[in-house]
Amino acid sequence: MKTLENALKHRVGLGTAPLGNMFRDVPEEEARETIQTAWDQGVRYFDTAPFYGAGLAESRLGDVLSQYDRDEYVISTKVGRYMSQEEEDKDGLFAHGRNNKVITDYSAEATRKSIEQSLERLKTDRLDIVYVHDLSPDFHGDEWISKFEEARTGAFRVLSEMREKGIIKGWGLGVNTTEPIEIAMELEENRPDINLSAIQYTLLQHDRALERMMKTAEEKGIDIVVGGPYNSGALFGGDHFNYEKAGADIIGRVNQLKEIGDKHGVHLKAAALQFSTAHPAVKSVIPGSTRPERIKEDLDMIQRDIPEAFWQELVERGFISPQAPLPESQK
């Protein structure tokens, strides 16, 4: 059975949020080809969630992976939401996803129900890693603290029991902000052992994460998986930054980074992947895509050599914190 560490090729896994029809309606053939290409390129860690298209990403992933030996790959999915047979109108990130109503619930009963549904969609008999999803201010506003308490006495306990019994290998939080992870790592009971931190430890945004989250994770031996390393595509001139429309300040910052990258012959995708994985607490980075050719590109970019002068200029000009570990030369 593969562990996360030996399932990773160059520390790159595949995030499947885009395969849940995030932002657009992704044809089935394109989604399948993306997953198949990742497999063919040696990717063996796949992250998904019920929230991604109301189960669509999980089902698409299961359709492809179920043809392979289950011991040859690692799956992480998430709890905190489960699907109802009732339908609802969709908007926002997954407006093009399935119409099933998504129920948000962090209780013990809902956690077990969510896992049962995920196993069915993924066509597998077991999960490796489970993250408690979006237990964070960006989704719940001022209510997130009460939601956290609901999860602490519900989802956290269930997942800790499953980990102790060997049903899963690990669990943690999968969120877009740092504070929930910071709090969870300080718990005396039912403490996570791996967390998925999206959009927070990236080339474009990492100061807040460095202040406490990354330091605590390293001190306590808790692994971090970095999601959204490109901040929703903003790093390459895309329209979105952290799942929302990119502002003029972000666009200006990206343009400056590109100028520095061009000066040193460095592609920003290579810089992003190598920066996020340079921190000793980071176990993996999981960029997401619906384009098969970008999977190959990701694996190529993380192996590219980047001159030390590039990193030094970013530090000197304030684009990278002086406290951030820098990548070593690939040569």
Protein backbone atom coordinates (compact mmCIF):
# COMPACT_ATOMS: atom_id res chain seq x y z
CA MET A 1 0.00 0.00 0.00
CA LYS A 2 1.40 3.35 -1.01
CA THR A 3 1.96 6.06 1.59
CA LEU A 4 1.69 9.70 0.57
CA GLU A 5 5.46 10.05 0.55
CA ASN A 6 6.15 7.24 -1.90
CA ALA A 7 3.06 8.04 -3.99
CA LEU A 8 4.50 11.38 -5.01
CA LYS A 9 6.47 11.97 -8.16
CA HIS A 10 8.54 15.11 -7.64
CA ARG A 11 6.13 15.99 -4.78
CA VAL A 12 3.32 16.84 -7.21
CA GLY A 13 -0.19 15.47 -6.81
CA LEU A 14 -3.39 16.36 -8.68
CA GLY A 15 -6.05 18.65 -7.25
CA THR A 16 -9.46 17.98 -8.80
CA ALA A 17 -11.52 21.08 -7.97
CA PRO A 18 -11.47 22.19 -11.65
CA LEU A 19 -12.82 18.75 -12.62
CA GLY A 20 -15.98 19.56 -10.66
CA ASN A 21 -16.74 22.14 -13.36
CA MET A 22 -15.27 25.03 -11.44
CA PHE A 23 -15.82 28.22 -13.47
CA ARG A 24 -16.88 26.29 -16.63
CA ASP A 25 -18.58 23.18 -17.97
CA VAL A 26 -15.75 20.70 -18.53
CA PRO A 27 -16.58 17.95 -21.07
CA GLU A 28 -16.40 14.39 -19.74
CA GLU A 29 -13.74 13.40 -22.25
CA GLU A 30 -11.51 16.32 -21.26
CA ALA A 31 -11.88 15.53 -17.56
CA ARG A 32 -11.08 11.86 -18.09
CA GLU A 33 -8.08 12.64 -20.26
CA THR A 34 -6.71 15.01 -17.59
CA ILE A 35 -6.86 12.33 -14.89
CA GLN A 36 -5.49 9.68 -17.25
CA THR A 37 -2.60 11.93 -18.25
CA ALA A 38 -1.73 12.52 -14.61
CA TRP A 39 -1.66 8.77 -14.05
CA ASP A 40 0.41 8.14 -17.17
CA GLN A 41 2.90 10.77 -16.02
CA GLY A 42 3.38 8.95 -12.72
CA VAL A 43 1.10 11.00 -10.45
CA ARG A 44 -0.23 8.76 -7.67
CA TYR A 45 -1.72 11.26 -5.22
CA PHE A 46 -5.17 12.63 -6.00
CA ASP A 47 -7.15 15.11 -3.88
CA THR A 48 -10.86 15.65 -4.27
CA ALA A 49 -14.01 16.64 -2.32
CA PRO A 50 -17.81 16.25 -2.40
CA PHE A 51 -18.09 20.04 -2.77
CA TYR A 52 -16.38 19.98 -6.17
CA GLY A 53 -19.40 20.02 -8.45
CA ALA A 54 -21.67 18.30 -5.88
CA GLY A 55 -19.80 15.02 -6.23
CA LEU A 56 -18.88 15.39 -9.90
CA ALA A 57 -15.10 15.52 -9.37
CA GLU A 58 -15.17 12.45 -7.12
CA SER A 59 -17.20 10.48 -9.66
CA ARG A 60 -14.91 11.43 -12.52
CA LEU A 61 -11.85 10.49 -10.47
CA GLY A 62 -13.38 7.18 -9.46
CA ASP A 63 -14.25 6.30 -13.04
CA VAL A 64 -10.58 6.49 -14.04
CA LEU A 65 -8.78 5.24 -10.93
CA SER A 66 -11.05 2.23 -10.35
CA GLN A 67 -9.33 0.43 -13.24
CA TYR A 68 -6.03 0.37 -11.31
CA ASP A 69 -4.72 -1.50 -8.28
CA ARG A 70 -5.98 0.39 -5.21
CA ASP A 71 -2.64 -0.13 -3.45
CA GLU A 72 -0.90 1.90 -6.16
CA TYR A 73 -2.38 5.32 -5.39
CA VAL A 74 -3.36 7.64 -2.55
CA ILE A 75 -6.70 9.48 -2.35
CA SER A 76 -7.65 12.33 -0.08
CA THR A 77 -11.18 13.66 0.05
CA LYS A 78 -13.11 15.84 2.47
CA VAL A 79 -15.97 15.90 4.95
CA GLY A 80 -18.20 18.69 6.20
CA ARG A 81 -20.64 18.39 3.32
CA TYR A 82 -22.80 15.61 1.93
CA MET A 83 -25.23 15.34 -0.96
CA SER A 84 -29.02 15.30 -0.80
CA GLN A 85 -31.25 13.83 -3.51
CA GLU A 86 -33.04 17.18 -3.47
CA GLU A 87 -31.94 19.57 -6.22
CA GLU A 88 -31.08 23.26 -6.03
CA ASP A 89 -30.11 26.07 -8.39
CA LYS A 90 -26.34 26.55 -8.51
CA ASP A 91 -24.24 29.68 -8.63
CA GLY A 92 -20.73 30.70 -7.65
CA LEU A 93 -17.63 28.53 -8.20
CA PHE A 94 -19.53 25.40 -9.16
CA ALA A 95 -22.48 26.85 -11.04
CA HIS A 96 -21.87 24.22 -13.73
CA GLY A 97 -21.72 21.30 -11.31
CA ARG A 98 -24.43 18.76 -10.51
CA ASN A 99 -27.74 20.04 -9.14
CA ASN A 100 -27.82 17.93 -5.97
CA LYS A 101 -28.34 20.03 -2.86
CA VAL A 102 -25.19 20.26 -0.77
CA ILE A 103 -25.72 19.98 2.99
CA THR A 104 -23.06 21.54 5.25
CA ASP A 105 -22.70 19.57 8.47
CA TYR A 106 -19.62 18.83 10.63
CA SER A 107 -21.30 16.44 13.08
CA ALA A 108 -20.18 12.86 13.64
CA GLU A 109 -23.21 11.40 11.86
CA ALA A 110 -22.77 13.68 8.85
CA THR A 111 -19.06 12.86 8.70
CA ARG A 112 -19.79 9.15 8.43
CA LYS A 113 -22.48 9.81 5.83
CA SER A 114 -20.15 11.99 3.77
CA ILE A 115 -17.47 9.28 3.80
CA GLU A 116 -19.96 6.61 2.74
CA GLN A 117 -21.07 8.72 -0.21
CA SER A 118 -17.49 9.51 -1.21
CA LEU A 119 -16.52 5.83 -1.18
CA GLU A 120 -19.40 5.09 -3.52
CA ARG A 121 -18.57 7.88 -5.95
CA LEU A 122 -14.85 7.06 -5.89
CA LYS A 123 -15.57 3.36 -6.44
CA THR A 124 -13.18 2.34 -3.69
CA ASP A 125 -13.32 0.49 -0.39
CA ARG A 126 -11.13 2.90 1.54
CA LEU A 127 -9.80 6.46 1.83
CA ASP A 128 -6.24 7.37 2.76
CA ILE A 129 -6.51 10.96 3.99
CA VAL A 130 -9.62 12.92 4.97
CA TYR A 131 -9.72 16.69 5.36
CA VAL A 132 -12.43 18.66 7.17
CA HIS A 133 -13.42 21.08 4.44
CA ASP A 134 -13.84 24.87 4.51
CA LEU A 135 -14.07 25.16 8.29
CA SER A 136 -13.04 28.75 7.84
CA PRO A 137 -14.14 32.41 7.96
CA ASP A 138 -14.20 32.71 4.17
CA PHE A 139 -17.13 30.26 4.02
CA HIS A 140 -18.88 30.74 7.37
CA GLY A 141 -18.13 34.32 8.37
CA ASP A 142 -18.50 35.00 12.10
CA GLU A 143 -20.15 31.58 12.56
CA TRP A 144 -16.96 29.72 11.77
CA ILE A 145 -16.00 29.42 15.44
CA SER A 146 -19.26 27.63 16.27
CA LYS A 147 -18.78 25.44 13.20
CA PHE A 148 -15.25 24.66 14.41
CA GLU A 149 -16.65 23.55 17.78
CA GLU A 150 -19.21 21.38 16.00
CA ALA A 151 -16.38 19.75 14.06
CA ARG A 152 -14.15 19.39 17.12
CA THR A 153 -16.78 17.32 18.89
CA GLY A 154 -17.96 15.61 15.72
CA ALA A 155 -15.77 15.22 12.64
CA PHE A 156 -12.46 15.49 14.53
CA ARG A 157 -13.40 12.67 16.91
CA VAL A 158 -14.67 10.38 14.17
CA LEU A 159 -11.57 10.89 12.04
CA SER A 160 -9.23 10.44 15.00
CA GLU A 161 -10.91 7.14 15.80
CA MET A 162 -10.61 6.04 12.18
CA ARG A 163 -6.93 6.95 12.18
CA GLU A 164 -6.29 5.05 15.41
CA LYS A 165 -8.03 1.96 14.00
CA GLY A 166 -6.01 2.18 10.78
CA ILE A 167 -9.09 2.82 8.64
CA ILE A 168 -7.45 6.01 7.32
CA LYS A 169 -3.79 7.02 7.35
CA GLY A 170 -4.33 10.62 8.44
CA TRP A 171 -6.70 13.55 8.70
CA GLY A 172 -6.65 17.32 9.01
CA LEU A 173 -8.25 20.52 7.80
CA GLY A 174 -8.61 21.59 4.19
CA VAL A 175 -9.11 25.36 4.22
CA ASN A 176 -8.27 28.61 2.44
CA THR A 177 -7.17 30.52 5.57
CA THR A 178 -4.49 29.82 8.15
CA GLU A 179 -6.20 30.41 11.51
CA PRO A 180 -8.31 27.20 11.62
CA ILE A 181 -5.22 25.08 10.97
CA GLU A 182 -3.26 27.00 13.59
CA ILE A 183 -5.95 26.38 16.22
CA ALA A 184 -6.37 22.71 15.33
CA MET A 185 -2.64 22.04 15.60
CA GLU A 186 -2.68 23.28 19.20
CA LEU A 187 -5.45 20.93 20.36
CA GLU A 188 -4.57 18.48 23.11
CA GLU A 189 -7.01 15.85 21.83
CA ASN A 190 -8.02 14.88 18.30
CA ARG A 191 -5.15 16.78 16.72
CA PRO A 192 -4.65 16.59 12.93
CA ASP A 193 -1.47 15.10 11.48
CA ILE A 194 -1.72 16.55 7.96
CA ASN A 195 -3.44 19.72 6.69
CA LEU A 196 -4.30 21.00 3.24
CA SER A 197 -3.60 24.72 3.09
CA ALA A 198 -4.89 26.26 -0.13
CA ILE A 199 -3.71 29.60 -1.58
CA GLN A 200 -1.86 30.61 1.62
CA TYR A 201 1.71 29.39 1.12
CA THR A 202 2.42 30.51 -2.43
CA LEU A 203 4.81 32.71 -4.32
CA LEU A 204 2.16 35.44 -4.35
CA GLN A 205 0.99 35.07 -0.76
CA HIS A 206 2.89 33.56 2.18
CA ASP A 207 3.71 36.13 4.88
CA ARG A 208 0.73 35.28 7.11
CA ALA A 209 1.33 31.54 6.77
CA LEU A 210 4.97 31.92 7.77
CA GLU A 211 4.11 33.83 10.95
CA ARG A 212 2.61 30.85 12.72
CA MET A 213 1.12 28.04 10.63
CA MET A 214 4.27 26.82 8.92
CA LYS A 215 6.38 27.27 12.04
CA THR A 216 3.95 25.30 14.22
CA ALA A 217 3.59 22.55 11.63
CA GLU A 218 7.35 22.10 11.47
CA GLU A 219 7.75 22.14 15.26
CA LYS A 220 4.99 19.58 15.82
CA GLY A 221 5.84 17.37 12.86
CA ILE A 222 2.50 18.00 11.15
CA ASP A 223 2.57 17.76 7.36
CA ILE A 224 1.27 20.46 5.04
CA VAL A 225 -0.09 19.92 1.55
CA VAL A 226 -0.20 23.12 -0.51
CA GLY A 227 -3.27 23.59 -2.67
CA GLY A 228 -3.90 26.37 -5.16
CA PRO A 229 -0.20 27.19 -5.70
CA TYR A 230 -1.09 29.50 -8.59
CA ASN A 231 -3.74 31.42 -6.59
CA SER A 232 -6.54 30.54 -9.05
CA GLY A 233 -4.40 31.33 -12.07
CA ALA A 234 -3.54 34.92 -11.21
CA LEU A 235 0.16 34.08 -11.34
CA PHE A 236 -0.10 33.54 -15.09
CA GLY A 237 -2.21 36.58 -15.88
CA GLY A 238 -5.55 34.88 -15.24
CA ASP A 239 -8.72 36.73 -14.26
CA HIS A 240 -9.02 35.17 -10.81
CA PHE A 241 -7.03 35.52 -7.59
CA ASN A 242 -8.03 33.25 -4.70
CA TYR A 243 -11.30 32.29 -6.44
CA GLU A 244 -12.37 35.90 -7.02
CA LYS A 245 -11.71 38.51 -9.68
CA ALA A 246 -8.11 39.68 -9.55
CA GLY A 247 -7.63 43.33 -8.57
CA ALA A 248 -5.26 45.83 -10.16
CA ASP A 249 -2.75 45.44 -7.31
CA ILE A 250 -2.43 41.69 -7.90
CA ILE A 251 -2.17 42.14 -11.66
CA GLY A 252 0.58 44.71 -11.15
CA ARG A 253 2.46 42.41 -8.78
CA VAL A 254 2.24 39.51 -11.24
CA ASN A 255 3.56 41.69 -14.04
CA GLN A 256 6.56 42.65 -11.93
CA LEU A 257 7.22 39.01 -11.06
CA LYS A 258 7.06 38.10 -14.73
CA GLU A 259 9.59 40.79 -15.60
CA ILE A 260 12.00 39.40 -13.00
CA GLY A 261 11.35 35.87 -14.23
CA ASP A 262 12.01 36.86 -17.85
CA LYS A 263 15.23 38.56 -16.79
CA HIS A 264 16.53 35.32 -15.24
CA GLY A 265 14.93 32.95 -17.73
CA VAL A 266 12.53 31.55 -15.13
CA HIS A 267 8.94 30.50 -15.80
CA LEU A 268 6.66 31.59 -12.95
CA LYS A 269 5.02 28.17 -12.81
CA ALA A 270 8.40 26.62 -12.02
CA ALA A 271 9.04 29.27 -9.40
CA ALA A 272 5.61 28.76 -7.81
CA LEU A 273 5.89 24.98 -7.50
CA GLN A 274 9.46 25.04 -6.24
CA PHE A 275 8.81 27.84 -3.76
CA SER A 276 5.83 26.07 -2.16
CA THR A 277 7.68 22.77 -1.80
CA ALA A 278 10.89 24.32 -0.43
CA HIS A 279 9.49 24.60 3.08
CA PRO A 280 10.38 21.52 5.16
CA ALA A 281 6.81 21.20 6.47
CA VAL A 282 5.39 20.82 2.96
CA LYS A 283 4.85 17.24 1.87
CA SER A 284 3.22 17.91 -1.49
CA VAL A 285 1.79 20.53 -3.80
CA ILE A 286 -1.43 19.79 -5.70
CA PRO A 287 -2.10 22.11 -8.62
CA GLY A 288 -5.40 21.53 -10.35
CA SER A 289 -6.19 21.64 -14.05
CA THR A 290 -8.59 20.46 -16.72
CA ARG A 291 -5.93 20.57 -19.43
CA PRO A 292 -3.95 17.35 -19.90
CA GLU A 293 -0.95 19.19 -21.32
CA ARG A 294 -0.63 21.24 -18.14
CA ILE A 295 -0.15 18.11 -16.05
CA LYS A 296 2.97 17.29 -18.04
CA GLU A 297 4.08 20.91 -17.76
CA ASP A 298 3.73 20.90 -13.96
CA LEU A 299 5.98 17.85 -13.62
CA ASP A 300 8.52 19.43 -15.95
CA MET A 301 8.46 22.79 -14.19
CA ILE A 302 9.14 21.47 -10.71
CA GLN A 303 12.36 19.89 -12.01
CA ARG A 304 13.68 22.95 -13.83
CA ASP A 305 16.80 24.59 -12.51
CA ILE A 306 16.27 28.11 -11.20
CA PRO A 307 19.29 30.36 -10.63
CA GLU A 308 19.94 31.53 -7.09
CA ALA A 309 20.07 35.12 -8.37
CA PHE A 310 16.36 34.94 -9.21
CA TRP A 311 15.40 34.05 -5.64
CA GLN A 312 17.75 36.64 -4.18
CA GLU A 313 16.24 39.40 -6.30
CA LEU A 314 12.74 38.43 -5.18
CA VAL A 315 13.85 38.64 -1.56
CA GLU A 316 15.67 41.94 -2.05
CA ARG A 317 12.66 43.50 -3.79
CA GLY A 318 10.21 42.28 -1.17
CA PHE A 319 8.37 39.65 -3.20
CA ILE A 320 9.55 36.85 -0.92
CA SER A 321 9.84 37.02 2.85
CA PRO A 322 13.41 36.81 4.18
CA GLN A 323 12.10 34.10 6.55
CA ALA A 324 10.93 31.82 3.75
CA PRO A 325 13.09 28.76 2.94
CA LEU A 326 14.37 29.04 -0.62
CA PRO A 327 14.61 26.20 -3.15
CA GLU A 328 18.00 24.67 -3.79
CA SER A 329 19.40 24.33 -7.29
CA GLN A 330 18.27 21.21 -9.13
CA LYS A 331 21.79 20.68 -10.49
